[in-house]
Amino acid sequence: PSQARFLGYVERLLREQNAYVDTGGADDRAALDLRQRSAGPPVAAVPRVVRLPASPLVRLGTLTLYDWFRRPPRGSFVAAVHILTADRPGGTVVFWSRAVEASAGA
């Protein structure tokens, strides 16, 4: 079910951007003709650059780790949120959490 839903999202993205490609197979042509007769924007049989969908804004409310460390941690910890971009593979830190103390028995 999740794979079918994902493919449905991809199909919708391609249809909205008029980006279907006819590979020349009879089944492909029949599917293309069917889509052209269906409701929605027309479909072209030419390759196009597909724009990625907009990234949603998210907010992490809580993060709880269980059995995360090999040895019990000591000291204070912080979390950093990074945004990855093509020009900065390591990312840019956009947020630092407040420091929290780790308790070895927790």
C-alpha atoms as a PDB file:
ATOM      1  CA  PRO A   1       0.000   0.000   0.000  1.00  0.00           C
ATOM      2  CA  SER A   2       2.764   2.518   0.813  1.00  0.00           C
ATOM      3  CA  GLN A   3       4.577   1.800  -2.470  1.00  0.00           C
ATOM      4  CA  ALA A   4       1.352   2.303  -4.428  1.00  0.00           C
ATOM      5  CA  ARG A   5       0.710   5.567  -2.571  1.00  0.00           C
ATOM      6  CA  PHE A   6       4.280   6.744  -3.301  1.00  0.00           C
ATOM      7  CA  LEU A   7       3.909   5.924  -7.008  1.00  0.00           C
ATOM      8  CA  GLY A   8       0.621   7.818  -6.983  1.00  0.00           C
ATOM      9  CA  TYR A   9       2.467  10.878  -5.628  1.00  0.00           C
ATOM     10  CA  VAL A  10       5.127  10.536  -8.330  1.00  0.00           C
ATOM     11  CA  GLU A  11       2.470  10.177 -11.020  1.00  0.00           C
ATOM     12  CA  ARG A  12       0.653  13.277  -9.766  1.00  0.00           C
ATOM     13  CA  LEU A  13       3.941  15.243  -9.686  1.00  0.00           C
ATOM     14  CA  LEU A  14       4.721  14.223 -13.284  1.00  0.00           C
ATOM     15  CA  ARG A  15       1.191  14.961 -14.482  1.00  0.00           C
ATOM     16  CA  GLU A  16       1.096  18.401 -12.821  1.00  0.00           C
ATOM     17  CA  GLN A  17       4.367  19.307 -14.528  1.00  0.00           C
ATOM     18  CA  ASN A  18       3.414  17.763 -17.881  1.00  0.00           C
ATOM     19  CA  ALA A  19       6.506  15.546 -17.665  1.00  0.00           C
ATOM     20  CA  TYR A  20       5.448  12.076 -18.817  1.00  0.00           C
ATOM     21  CA  VAL A  21       7.763  10.382 -21.317  1.00  0.00           C
ATOM     22  CA  ASP A  22       6.642   7.915 -23.993  1.00  0.00           C
ATOM     23  CA  THR A  23       9.360   5.272 -24.272  1.00  0.00           C
ATOM     24  CA  GLY A  24       7.924   3.880 -27.490  1.00  0.00           C
ATOM     25  CA  GLY A  25       6.380   0.682 -26.132  1.00  0.00           C
ATOM     26  CA  ALA A  26       2.811  -0.156 -27.164  1.00  0.00           C
ATOM     27  CA  ASP A  27       1.708  -0.363 -23.524  1.00  0.00           C
ATOM     28  CA  ASP A  28       3.309   3.017 -22.826  1.00  0.00           C
ATOM     29  CA  ARG A  29       1.506   4.611 -25.778  1.00  0.00           C
ATOM     30  CA  ALA A  30      -1.821   3.158 -24.682  1.00  0.00           C
ATOM     31  CA  ALA A  31      -1.316   4.441 -21.137  1.00  0.00           C
ATOM     32  CA  LEU A  32      -0.296   7.838 -22.498  1.00  0.00           C
ATOM     33  CA  ASP A  33      -3.396   8.010 -24.726  1.00  0.00           C
ATOM     34  CA  LEU A  34      -5.600   7.048 -21.767  1.00  0.00           C
ATOM     35  CA  ARG A  35      -4.058   9.762 -19.576  1.00  0.00           C
ATOM     36  CA  GLN A  36      -4.506  12.345 -22.315  1.00  0.00           C
ATOM     37  CA  ARG A  37      -8.231  11.547 -22.432  1.00  0.00           C
ATOM     38  CA  SER A  38      -8.600  11.676 -18.645  1.00  0.00           C
ATOM     39  CA  ALA A  39      -9.357  14.749 -16.584  1.00  0.00           C
ATOM     40  CA  GLY A  40      -6.471  17.000 -15.716  1.00  0.00           C
ATOM     41  CA  PRO A  41      -3.833  18.827 -17.710  1.00  0.00           C
ATOM     42  CA  PRO A  42      -2.743  17.292 -21.028  1.00  0.00           C
ATOM     43  CA  VAL A  43       0.264  15.020 -21.039  1.00  0.00           C
ATOM     44  CA  ALA A  44       3.134  15.450 -23.493  1.00  0.00           C
ATOM     45  CA  ALA A  45       5.480  12.720 -24.702  1.00  0.00           C
ATOM     46  CA  VAL A  46       8.628  14.806 -24.355  1.00  0.00           C
ATOM     47  CA  PRO A  47      11.181  14.726 -21.548  1.00  0.00           C
ATOM     48  CA  ARG A  48      11.085  17.652 -19.157  1.00  0.00           C
ATOM     49  CA  VAL A  49      13.010  18.683 -16.076  1.00  0.00           C
ATOM     50  CA  VAL A  50      10.910  17.802 -13.040  1.00  0.00           C
ATOM     51  CA  ARG A  51      10.891  20.341 -10.219  1.00  0.00           C
ATOM     52  CA  LEU A  52      11.017  18.881  -6.724  1.00  0.00           C
ATOM     53  CA  PRO A  53       8.000  19.580  -4.532  1.00  0.00           C
ATOM     54  CA  ALA A  54       8.347  22.260  -1.883  1.00  0.00           C
ATOM     55  CA  SER A  55       9.877  21.079   1.383  1.00  0.00           C
ATOM     56  CA  PRO A  56       7.448  21.246   4.282  1.00  0.00           C
ATOM     57  CA  LEU A  57       8.346  23.111   7.444  1.00  0.00           C
ATOM     58  CA  VAL A  58       8.637  20.797  10.432  1.00  0.00           C
ATOM     59  CA  ARG A  59       9.210  21.215  14.127  1.00  0.00           C
ATOM     60  CA  LEU A  60      10.609  18.510  16.365  1.00  0.00           C
ATOM     61  CA  GLY A  61       8.823  18.698  19.694  1.00  0.00           C
ATOM     62  CA  THR A  62      10.574  15.933  21.602  1.00  0.00           C
ATOM     63  CA  LEU A  63      13.450  13.543  21.081  1.00  0.00           C
ATOM     64  CA  THR A  64      13.887  10.587  23.401  1.00  0.00           C
ATOM     65  CA  LEU A  65      16.686   8.055  22.908  1.00  0.00           C
ATOM     66  CA  TYR A  66      16.626   4.576  24.443  1.00  0.00           C
ATOM     67  CA  ASP A  67      19.700   2.338  24.515  1.00  0.00           C
ATOM     68  CA  TRP A  68      21.441   4.760  22.171  1.00  0.00           C
ATOM     69  CA  PHE A  69      24.936   4.754  23.675  1.00  0.00           C
ATOM     70  CA  ARG A  70      27.264   1.801  23.894  1.00  0.00           C
ATOM     71  CA  ARG A  71      28.560   3.029  27.272  1.00  0.00           C
ATOM     72  CA  PRO A  72      26.572   5.191  29.683  1.00  0.00           C
ATOM     73  CA  PRO A  73      27.147   8.854  28.806  1.00  0.00           C
ATOM     74  CA  ARG A  74      28.478  11.508  31.152  1.00  0.00           C
ATOM     75  CA  GLY A  75      28.395  15.271  30.978  1.00  0.00           C
ATOM     76  CA  SER A  76      26.250  17.658  29.014  1.00  0.00           C
ATOM     77  CA  PHE A  77      24.945  17.232  25.491  1.00  0.00           C
ATOM     78  CA  VAL A  78      23.492  19.484  22.826  1.00  0.00           C
ATOM     79  CA  ALA A  79      21.736  18.732  19.550  1.00  0.00           C
ATOM     80  CA  ALA A  80      22.355  20.635  16.320  1.00  0.00           C
ATOM     81  CA  VAL A  81      19.934  20.922  13.409  1.00  0.00           C
ATOM     82  CA  HIS A  82      21.679  21.056  10.029  1.00  0.00           C
ATOM     83  CA  ILE A  83      20.357  22.063   6.621  1.00  0.00           C
ATOM     84  CA  LEU A  84      22.141  20.215   3.815  1.00  0.00           C
ATOM     85  CA  THR A  85      22.763  21.967   0.513  1.00  0.00           C
ATOM     86  CA  ALA A  86      24.701  20.992  -2.598  1.00  0.00           C
ATOM     87  CA  ASP A  87      27.358  23.629  -1.986  1.00  0.00           C
ATOM     88  CA  ARG A  88      27.859  22.689   1.706  1.00  0.00           C
ATOM     89  CA  PRO A  89      27.817  18.874   2.009  1.00  0.00           C
ATOM     90  CA  GLY A  90      28.375  19.022   5.774  1.00  0.00           C
ATOM     91  CA  GLY A  91      25.419  21.332   6.103  1.00  0.00           C
ATOM     92  CA  THR A  92      24.826  24.580   7.928  1.00  0.00           C
ATOM     93  CA  VAL A  93      23.770  24.542  11.579  1.00  0.00           C
ATOM     94  CA  VAL A  94      20.526  26.475  11.928  1.00  0.00           C
ATOM     95  CA  PHE A  95      19.671  25.629  15.543  1.00  0.00           C
ATOM     96  CA  TRP A  96      21.427  24.489  18.723  1.00  0.00           C
ATOM     97  CA  SER A  97      19.438  22.952  21.570  1.00  0.00           C
ATOM     98  CA  ARG A  98      19.966  23.915  25.165  1.00  0.00           C
ATOM     99  CA  ALA A  99      22.483  21.739  26.992  1.00  0.00           C
ATOM    100  CA  VAL A 100      21.145  18.769  28.929  1.00  0.00           C
ATOM    101  CA  GLU A 101      22.949  16.667  31.497  1.00  0.00           C
ATOM    102  CA  ALA A 102      23.123  12.951  30.848  1.00  0.00           C
ATOM    103  CA  SER A 103      22.625  10.680  33.780  1.00  0.00           C
ATOM    104  CA  ALA A 104      24.327   7.302  33.498  1.00  0.00           C
ATOM    105  CA  GLY A 105      21.412   5.475  35.095  1.00  0.00           C
ATOM    106  CA  ALA A 106      18.672   7.008  32.961  1.00  0.00           C
END
